[in-house]
Amino acid sequence: MRIGNDTDTVAAIAGGLLGARWGASAIPAKWKTIRTPTVAAAYLARRLEISGAEALARVRAVLPQAHPNPGFVTALNRLWPEEGA
């Protein structure tokens, strides 16, 4: 859900409620993956002390279909910038 403002947060809450009430199969597949690559990259960046771009490249090496929300990618790169940037 990329419409602006807090729509990703609202979608995350809606997905949590749907999953809690009707199980994971009630959550649309797209909702399950939008944040996953970025969260995995953030974990790698912090754990391995690498840039957000390098971490996301490592995630995409394993999950080539990963296309995280551009806003999350921007935040990832702001939190873990490339050296010298």
PDB file of N, CA and C in Angstrom:
ATOM      1  N   MET A   1       0.849  -1.166   0.000  1.00  0.00           N
ATOM      2  CA  MET A   1       0.000   0.000   0.000  1.00  0.00           C
ATOM      3  C   MET A   1       0.893   1.227   0.000  1.00  0.00           C
ATOM      4  N   ARG A   2       0.988   1.873  -1.136  1.00  0.00           N
ATOM      5  CA  ARG A   2       1.867   3.039  -1.266  1.00  0.00           C
ATOM      6  C   ARG A   2       1.076   4.236  -1.757  1.00  0.00           C
ATOM      7  N   ILE A   3       0.259   4.789  -0.892  1.00  0.00           N
ATOM      8  CA  ILE A   3      -0.550   5.923  -1.284  1.00  0.00           C
ATOM      9  C   ILE A   3      -0.068   7.196  -0.607  1.00  0.00           C
ATOM     10  N   GLY A   4       0.829   7.075   0.355  1.00  0.00           N
ATOM     11  CA  GLY A   4       1.353   8.236   1.049  1.00  0.00           C
ATOM     12  C   GLY A   4       0.949   8.251   2.505  1.00  0.00           C
ATOM     13  N   ASN A   5       1.488   9.224   3.215  1.00  0.00           N
ATOM     14  CA  ASN A   5       1.222   9.411   4.644  1.00  0.00           C
ATOM     15  C   ASN A   5       1.474   8.135   5.428  1.00  0.00           C
ATOM     16  N   ASP A   6       0.514   7.710   6.236  1.00  0.00           N
ATOM     17  CA  ASP A   6       0.687   6.549   7.113  1.00  0.00           C
ATOM     18  C   ASP A   6       0.067   5.279   6.554  1.00  0.00           C
ATOM     19  N   THR A   7      -0.102   5.193   5.251  1.00  0.00           N
ATOM     20  CA  THR A   7      -0.802   4.034   4.700  1.00  0.00           C
ATOM     21  C   THR A   7      -0.074   2.720   4.954  1.00  0.00           C
ATOM     22  N   ASP A   8       1.259   2.725   4.959  1.00  0.00           N
ATOM     23  CA  ASP A   8       1.989   1.484   5.254  1.00  0.00           C
ATOM     24  C   ASP A   8       1.732   1.038   6.689  1.00  0.00           C
ATOM     25  N   THR A   9       1.682   1.994   7.599  1.00  0.00           N
ATOM     26  CA  THR A   9       1.408   1.670   9.003  1.00  0.00           C
ATOM     27  C   THR A   9      -0.005   1.121   9.143  1.00  0.00           C
ATOM     28  N   VAL A  10      -0.963   1.772   8.490  1.00  0.00           N
ATOM     29  CA  VAL A  10      -2.351   1.307   8.538  1.00  0.00           C
ATOM     30  C   VAL A  10      -2.446  -0.098   7.939  1.00  0.00           C
ATOM     31  N   ALA A  11      -1.746  -0.329   6.832  1.00  0.00           N
ATOM     32  CA  ALA A  11      -1.760  -1.659   6.211  1.00  0.00           C
ATOM     33  C   ALA A  11      -1.152  -2.700   7.141  1.00  0.00           C
ATOM     34  N   ALA A  12      -0.079  -2.335   7.846  1.00  0.00           N
ATOM     35  CA  ALA A  12       0.550  -3.275   8.780  1.00  0.00           C
ATOM     36  C   ALA A  12      -0.409  -3.630   9.908  1.00  0.00           C
ATOM     37  N   ILE A  13      -1.111  -2.632  10.423  1.00  0.00           N
ATOM     38  CA  ILE A  13      -2.088  -2.880  11.489  1.00  0.00           C
ATOM     39  C   ILE A  13      -3.235  -3.731  10.955  1.00  0.00           C
ATOM     40  N   ALA A  14      -3.737  -3.380   9.778  1.00  0.00           N
ATOM     41  CA  ALA A  14      -4.830  -4.156   9.181  1.00  0.00           C
ATOM     42  C   ALA A  14      -4.401  -5.600   8.947  1.00  0.00           C
ATOM     43  N   GLY A  15      -3.185  -5.790   8.453  1.00  0.00           N
ATOM     44  CA  GLY A  15      -2.669  -7.143   8.234  1.00  0.00           C
ATOM     45  C   GLY A  15      -2.560  -7.923   9.527  1.00  0.00           C
ATOM     46  N   GLY A  16      -2.104  -7.249  10.591  1.00  0.00           N
ATOM     47  CA  GLY A  16      -2.010  -7.902  11.900  1.00  0.00           C
ATOM     48  C   GLY A  16      -3.375  -8.326  12.402  1.00  0.00           C
ATOM     49  N   LEU A  17      -4.370  -7.442  12.240  1.00  0.00           N
ATOM     50  CA  LEU A  17      -5.729  -7.773  12.679  1.00  0.00           C
ATOM     51  C   LEU A  17      -6.329  -8.901  11.856  1.00  0.00           C
ATOM     52  N   LEU A  18      -6.142  -8.832  10.532  1.00  0.00           N
ATOM     53  CA  LEU A  18      -6.644  -9.913   9.666  1.00  0.00           C
ATOM     54  C   LEU A  18      -6.017 -11.247  10.049  1.00  0.00           C
ATOM     55  N   GLY A  19      -4.694 -11.228  10.223  1.00  0.00           N
ATOM     56  CA  GLY A  19      -3.987 -12.456  10.574  1.00  0.00           C
ATOM     57  C   GLY A  19      -4.417 -13.001  11.920  1.00  0.00           C
ATOM     58  N   ALA A  20      -4.622 -12.109  12.893  1.00  0.00           N
ATOM     59  CA  ALA A  20      -5.043 -12.549  14.223  1.00  0.00           C
ATOM     60  C   ALA A  20      -6.441 -13.146  14.192  1.00  0.00           C
ATOM     61  N   ARG A  21      -7.311 -12.578  13.389  1.00  0.00           N
ATOM     62  CA  ARG A  21      -8.714 -13.034  13.357  1.00  0.00           C
ATOM     63  C   ARG A  21      -8.929 -14.228  12.435  1.00  0.00           C
ATOM     64  N   TRP A  22      -8.372 -14.175  11.208  1.00  0.00           N
ATOM     65  CA  TRP A  22      -8.675 -15.202  10.212  1.00  0.00           C
ATOM     66  C   TRP A  22      -7.462 -16.004   9.758  1.00  0.00           C
ATOM     67  N   GLY A  23      -6.312 -15.771  10.341  1.00  0.00           N
ATOM     68  CA  GLY A  23      -5.109 -16.518   9.979  1.00  0.00           C
ATOM     69  C   GLY A  23      -4.331 -15.831   8.870  1.00  0.00           C
ATOM     70  N   ALA A  24      -3.107 -16.291   8.689  1.00  0.00           N
ATOM     71  CA  ALA A  24      -2.196 -15.670   7.721  1.00  0.00           C
ATOM     72  C   ALA A  24      -2.716 -15.729   6.296  1.00  0.00           C
ATOM     73  N   SER A  25      -3.530 -16.725   5.969  1.00  0.00           N
ATOM     74  CA  SER A  25      -4.040 -16.845   4.593  1.00  0.00           C
ATOM     75  C   SER A  25      -4.982 -15.699   4.229  1.00  0.00           C
ATOM     76  N   ALA A  26      -5.500 -14.970   5.224  1.00  0.00           N
ATOM     77  CA  ALA A  26      -6.384 -13.836   4.957  1.00  0.00           C
ATOM     78  C   ALA A  26      -5.616 -12.588   4.528  1.00  0.00           C
ATOM     79  N   ILE A  27      -4.300 -12.587   4.734  1.00  0.00           N
ATOM     80  CA  ILE A  27      -3.483 -11.421   4.399  1.00  0.00           C
ATOM     81  C   ILE A  27      -3.034 -11.524   2.949  1.00  0.00           C
ATOM     82  N   PRO A  28      -3.304 -10.507   2.122  1.00  0.00           N
ATOM     83  CA  PRO A  28      -2.861 -10.542   0.725  1.00  0.00           C
ATOM     84  C   PRO A  28      -1.343 -10.742   0.638  1.00  0.00           C
ATOM     85  N   ALA A  29      -0.910 -11.522  -0.323  1.00  0.00           N
ATOM     86  CA  ALA A  29       0.518 -11.855  -0.475  1.00  0.00           C
ATOM     87  C   ALA A  29       1.388 -10.602  -0.556  1.00  0.00           C
ATOM     88  N   LYS A  30       0.936  -9.576  -1.259  1.00  0.00           N
ATOM     89  CA  LYS A  30       1.724  -8.355  -1.409  1.00  0.00           C
ATOM     90  C   LYS A  30       1.982  -7.693  -0.056  1.00  0.00           C
ATOM     91  N   TRP A  31       1.013  -7.754   0.843  1.00  0.00           N
ATOM     92  CA  TRP A  31       1.182  -7.145   2.157  1.00  0.00           C
ATOM     93  C   TRP A  31       2.240  -7.862   2.970  1.00  0.00           C
ATOM     94  N   LYS A  32       2.404  -9.138   2.729  1.00  0.00           N
ATOM     95  CA  LYS A  32       3.352  -9.927   3.520  1.00  0.00           C
ATOM     96  C   LYS A  32       4.797  -9.620   3.162  1.00  0.00           C
ATOM     97  N   THR A  33       5.053  -9.111   1.983  1.00  0.00           N
ATOM     98  CA  THR A  33       6.430  -8.955   1.530  1.00  0.00           C
ATOM     99  C   THR A  33       6.919  -7.523   1.410  1.00  0.00           C
ATOM    100  N   ILE A  34       6.058  -6.545   1.465  1.00  0.00           N
ATOM    101  CA  ILE A  34       6.474  -5.159   1.222  1.00  0.00           C
ATOM    102  C   ILE A  34       7.605  -4.716   2.149  1.00  0.00           C
ATOM    103  N   ARG A  35       7.524  -5.008   3.435  1.00  0.00           N
ATOM    104  CA  ARG A  35       8.535  -4.551   4.386  1.00  0.00           C
ATOM    105  C   ARG A  35       9.635  -5.572   4.630  1.00  0.00           C
ATOM    106  N   THR A  36       9.382  -6.811   4.346  1.00  0.00           N
ATOM    107  CA  THR A  36      10.318  -7.875   4.705  1.00  0.00           C
ATOM    108  C   THR A  36      11.735  -7.648   4.199  1.00  0.00           C
ATOM    109  N   PRO A  37      11.963  -7.323   2.912  1.00  0.00           N
ATOM    110  CA  PRO A  37      13.346  -7.125   2.455  1.00  0.00           C
ATOM    111  C   PRO A  37      14.055  -5.977   3.168  1.00  0.00           C
ATOM    112  N   THR A  38      13.333  -4.907   3.450  1.00  0.00           N
ATOM    113  CA  THR A  38      13.950  -3.761   4.106  1.00  0.00           C
ATOM    114  C   THR A  38      14.280  -4.066   5.558  1.00  0.00           C
ATOM    115  N   VAL A  39      13.381  -4.781   6.234  1.00  0.00           N
ATOM    116  CA  VAL A  39      13.650  -5.158   7.625  1.00  0.00           C
ATOM    117  C   VAL A  39      14.855  -6.086   7.680  1.00  0.00           C
ATOM    118  N   ALA A  40      14.928  -7.041   6.757  1.00  0.00           N
ATOM    119  CA  ALA A  40      16.073  -7.955   6.707  1.00  0.00           C
ATOM    120  C   ALA A  40      17.360  -7.170   6.422  1.00  0.00           C
ATOM    121  N   ALA A  41      17.293  -6.207   5.508  1.00  0.00           N
ATOM    122  CA  ALA A  41      18.477  -5.402   5.188  1.00  0.00           C
ATOM    123  C   ALA A  41      18.893  -4.543   6.376  1.00  0.00           C
ATOM    124  N   ALA A  42      17.929  -3.984   7.105  1.00  0.00           N
ATOM    125  CA  ALA A  42      18.250  -3.180   8.284  1.00  0.00           C
ATOM    126  C   ALA A  42      18.959  -4.039   9.324  1.00  0.00           C
ATOM    127  N   TYR A  43      18.477  -5.251   9.501  1.00  0.00           N
ATOM    128  CA  TYR A  43      19.122  -6.172  10.444  1.00  0.00           C
ATOM    129  C   TYR A  43      20.568  -6.442  10.024  1.00  0.00           C
ATOM    130  N   LEU A  44      20.764  -6.747   8.726  1.00  0.00           N
ATOM    131  CA  LEU A  44      22.114  -7.030   8.238  1.00  0.00           C
ATOM    132  C   LEU A  44      23.028  -5.809   8.377  1.00  0.00           C
ATOM    133  N   ALA A  45      22.507  -4.648   8.022  1.00  0.00           N
ATOM    134  CA  ALA A  45      23.320  -3.424   8.093  1.00  0.00           C
ATOM    135  C   ALA A  45      23.807  -3.190   9.519  1.00  0.00           C
ATOM    136  N   ARG A  46      22.916  -3.347  10.452  1.00  0.00           N
ATOM    137  CA  ARG A  46      23.302  -3.117  11.850  1.00  0.00           C
ATOM    138  C   ARG A  46      24.209  -4.229  12.359  1.00  0.00           C
ATOM    139  N   ARG A  47      23.842  -5.463  12.093  1.00  0.00           N
ATOM    140  CA  ARG A  47      24.584  -6.615  12.620  1.00  0.00           C
ATOM    141  C   ARG A  47      25.983  -6.719  12.020  1.00  0.00           C
ATOM    142  N   LEU A  48      26.081  -6.492  10.694  1.00  0.00           N
ATOM    143  CA  LEU A  48      27.366  -6.644  10.010  1.00  0.00           C
ATOM    144  C   LEU A  48      28.115  -5.326   9.856  1.00  0.00           C
ATOM    145  N   GLU A  49      27.485  -4.232  10.307  1.00  0.00           N
ATOM    146  CA  GLU A  49      28.077  -2.897  10.195  1.00  0.00           C
ATOM    147  C   GLU A  49      28.447  -2.570   8.751  1.00  0.00           C
ATOM    148  N   ILE A  50      27.470  -2.748   7.869  1.00  0.00           N
ATOM    149  CA  ILE A  50      27.633  -2.426   6.448  1.00  0.00           C
ATOM    150  C   ILE A  50      26.585  -1.378   6.073  1.00  0.00           C
ATOM    151  N   SER A  51      26.709  -0.810   4.888  1.00  0.00           N
ATOM    152  CA  SER A  51      25.747   0.203   4.447  1.00  0.00           C
ATOM    153  C   SER A  51      24.396  -0.437   4.138  1.00  0.00           C
ATOM    154  N   GLY A  52      23.370   0.396   4.137  1.00  0.00           N
ATOM    155  CA  GLY A  52      22.038  -0.071   3.775  1.00  0.00           C
ATOM    156  C   GLY A  52      21.999  -0.612   2.355  1.00  0.00           C
ATOM    157  N   ALA A  53      22.721   0.046   1.449  1.00  0.00           N
ATOM    158  CA  ALA A  53      22.759  -0.409   0.057  1.00  0.00           C
ATOM    159  C   ALA A  53      23.398  -1.789  -0.062  1.00  0.00           C
ATOM    160  N   GLU A  54      24.500  -2.007   0.648  1.00  0.00           N
ATOM    161  CA  GLU A  54      25.170  -3.312   0.629  1.00  0.00           C
ATOM    162  C   GLU A  54      24.272  -4.390   1.238  1.00  0.00           C
ATOM    163  N   ALA A  55      23.619  -4.035   2.340  1.00  0.00           N
ATOM    164  CA  ALA A  55      22.729  -4.996   2.998  1.00  0.00           C
ATOM    165  C   ALA A  55      21.574  -5.373   2.080  1.00  0.00           C
ATOM    166  N   LEU A  56      20.975  -4.373   1.414  1.00  0.00           N
ATOM    167  CA  LEU A  56      19.866  -4.660   0.497  1.00  0.00           C
ATOM    168  C   LEU A  56      20.346  -5.486  -0.687  1.00  0.00           C
ATOM    169  N   ALA A  57      21.558  -5.226  -1.165  1.00  0.00           N
ATOM    170  CA  ALA A  57      22.121  -6.033  -2.262  1.00  0.00           C
ATOM    171  C   ALA A  57      22.266  -7.492  -1.832  1.00  0.00           C
ATOM    172  N   ARG A  58      22.660  -7.718  -0.590  1.00  0.00           N
ATOM    173  CA  ARG A  58      22.790  -9.090  -0.088  1.00  0.00           C
ATOM    174  C   ARG A  58      21.428  -9.765   0.020  1.00  0.00           C
ATOM    175  N   VAL A  59      20.416  -9.006   0.445  1.00  0.00           N
ATOM    176  CA  VAL A  59      19.059  -9.568   0.519  1.00  0.00           C
ATOM    177  C   VAL A  59      18.578  -9.917  -0.886  1.00  0.00           C
ATOM    178  N   ARG A  60      18.799  -9.004  -1.840  1.00  0.00           N
ATOM    179  CA  ARG A  60      18.352  -9.253  -3.223  1.00  0.00           C
ATOM    180  C   ARG A  60      19.099 -10.414  -3.878  1.00  0.00           C
ATOM    181  N   ALA A  61      20.316 -10.711  -3.420  1.00  0.00           N
ATOM    182  CA  ALA A  61      21.046 -11.862  -3.950  1.00  0.00           C
ATOM    183  C   ALA A  61      20.320 -13.157  -3.594  1.00  0.00           C
ATOM    184  N   VAL A  62      19.640 -13.151  -2.451  1.00  0.00           N
ATOM    185  CA  VAL A  62      18.895 -14.324  -2.005  1.00  0.00           C
ATOM    186  C   VAL A  62      17.443 -14.257  -2.461  1.00  0.00           C
ATOM    187  N   LEU A  63      16.886 -13.061  -2.492  1.00  0.00           N
ATOM    188  CA  LEU A  63      15.490 -12.836  -2.894  1.00  0.00           C
ATOM    189  C   LEU A  63      15.448 -11.860  -4.066  1.00  0.00           C
ATOM    190  N   PRO A  64      15.759 -12.320  -5.273  1.00  0.00           N
ATOM    191  CA  PRO A  64      15.821 -11.386  -6.410  1.00  0.00           C
ATOM    192  C   PRO A  64      14.498 -10.690  -6.709  1.00  0.00           C
ATOM    193  N   GLN A  65      13.396 -11.245  -6.256  1.00  0.00           N
ATOM    194  CA  GLN A  65      12.091 -10.634  -6.502  1.00  0.00           C
ATOM    195  C   GLN A  65      11.778  -9.519  -5.504  1.00  0.00           C
ATOM    196  N   ALA A  66      12.681  -9.252  -4.577  1.00  0.00           N
ATOM    197  CA  ALA A  66      12.456  -8.236  -3.544  1.00  0.00           C
ATOM    198  C   ALA A  66      12.458  -6.837  -4.148  1.00  0.00           C
ATOM    199  N   HIS A  67      11.361  -6.135  -3.962  1.00  0.00           N
ATOM    200  CA  HIS A  67      11.221  -4.749  -4.414  1.00  0.00           C
ATOM    201  C   HIS A  67      10.590  -3.945  -3.280  1.00  0.00           C
ATOM    202  N   PRO A  68      11.383  -3.591  -2.261  1.00  0.00           N
ATOM    203  CA  PRO A  68      10.810  -2.885  -1.122  1.00  0.00           C
ATOM    204  C   PRO A  68      10.323  -1.494  -1.478  1.00  0.00           C
ATOM    205  N   ASN A  69       9.429  -1.000  -0.666  1.00  0.00           N
ATOM    206  CA  ASN A  69       8.876   0.329  -0.796  1.00  0.00           C
ATOM    207  C   ASN A  69      10.016   1.347  -0.865  1.00  0.00           C
ATOM    208  N   PRO A  70      10.004   2.259  -1.847  1.00  0.00           N
ATOM    209  CA  PRO A  70      11.078   3.250  -1.979  1.00  0.00           C
ATOM    210  C   PRO A  70      11.298   4.091  -0.717  1.00  0.00           C
ATOM    211  N   GLY A  71      10.250   4.370   0.029  1.00  0.00           N
ATOM    212  CA  GLY A  71      10.399   5.131   1.261  1.00  0.00           C
ATOM    213  C   GLY A  71      11.232   4.390   2.293  1.00  0.00           C
ATOM    214  N   PHE A  72      11.052   3.078   2.361  1.00  0.00           N
ATOM    215  CA  PHE A  72      11.843   2.275   3.291  1.00  0.00           C
ATOM    216  C   PHE A  72      13.299   2.213   2.842  1.00  0.00           C
ATOM    217  N   VAL A  73      13.514   2.143   1.547  1.00  0.00           N
ATOM    218  CA  VAL A  73      14.888   2.110   1.029  1.00  0.00           C
ATOM    219  C   VAL A  73      15.588   3.430   1.362  1.00  0.00           C
ATOM    220  N   THR A  74      14.881   4.539   1.206  1.00  0.00           N
ATOM    221  CA  THR A  74      15.445   5.848   1.547  1.00  0.00           C
ATOM    222  C   THR A  74      15.826   5.902   3.022  1.00  0.00           C
ATOM    223  N   ALA A  75      14.927   5.433   3.880  1.00  0.00           N
ATOM    224  CA  ALA A  75      15.207   5.425   5.321  1.00  0.00           C
ATOM    225  C   ALA A  75      16.382   4.509   5.642  1.00  0.00           C
ATOM    226  N   LEU A  76      16.430   3.371   5.001  1.00  0.00           N
ATOM    227  CA  LEU A  76      17.531   2.420   5.215  1.00  0.00           C
ATOM    228  C   LEU A  76      18.867   3.073   4.865  1.00  0.00           C
ATOM    229  N   ASN A  77      18.917   3.747   3.723  1.00  0.00           N
ATOM    230  CA  ASN A  77      20.156   4.397   3.286  1.00  0.00           C
ATOM    231  C   ASN A  77      20.501   5.615   4.143  1.00  0.00           C
ATOM    232  N   ARG A  78      19.505   6.247   4.721  1.00  0.00           N
ATOM    233  CA  ARG A  78      19.761   7.382   5.606  1.00  0.00           C
ATOM    234  C   ARG A  78      20.335   6.892   6.941  1.00  0.00           C
ATOM    235  N   LEU A  79      19.811   5.773   7.435  1.00  0.00           N
ATOM    236  CA  LEU A  79      20.293   5.231   8.715  1.00  0.00           C
ATOM    237  C   LEU A  79      21.651   4.576   8.601  1.00  0.00           C
ATOM    238  N   TRP A  80      21.906   3.887   7.474  1.00  0.00           N
ATOM    239  CA  TRP A  80      23.187   3.202   7.267  1.00  0.00           C
ATOM    240  C   TRP A  80      23.751   3.630   5.920  1.00  0.00           C
ATOM    241  N   PRO A  81      24.288   4.872   5.865  1.00  0.00           N
ATOM    242  CA  PRO A  81      24.815   5.393   4.588  1.00  0.00           C
ATOM    243  C   PRO A  81      26.088   4.664   4.164  1.00  0.00           C
ATOM    244  N   GLU A  82      26.377   4.780   2.875  1.00  0.00           N
ATOM    245  CA  GLU A  82      27.630   4.200   2.365  1.00  0.00           C
ATOM    246  C   GLU A  82      28.774   5.031   2.927  1.00  0.00           C
ATOM    247  N   GLU A  83      29.893   4.380   3.145  1.00  0.00           N
ATOM    248  CA  GLU A  83      31.044   5.073   3.693  1.00  0.00           C
ATOM    249  C   GLU A  83      31.468   6.217   2.773  1.00  0.00           C
ATOM    250  N   GLY A  84      31.678   7.367   3.347  1.00  0.00           N
ATOM    251  CA  GLY A  84      32.089   8.525   2.565  1.00  0.00           C
ATOM    252  C   GLY A  84      30.938   9.320   2.011  1.00  0.00           C
ATOM    253  N   ALA A  85      29.704   8.838   2.238  1.00  0.00           N
ATOM    254  CA  ALA A  85      28.537   9.549   1.688  1.00  0.00           C
ATOM    255  C   ALA A  85      28.067  10.634   2.636  1.00  0.00           C
TER     256      ALA A  85
END
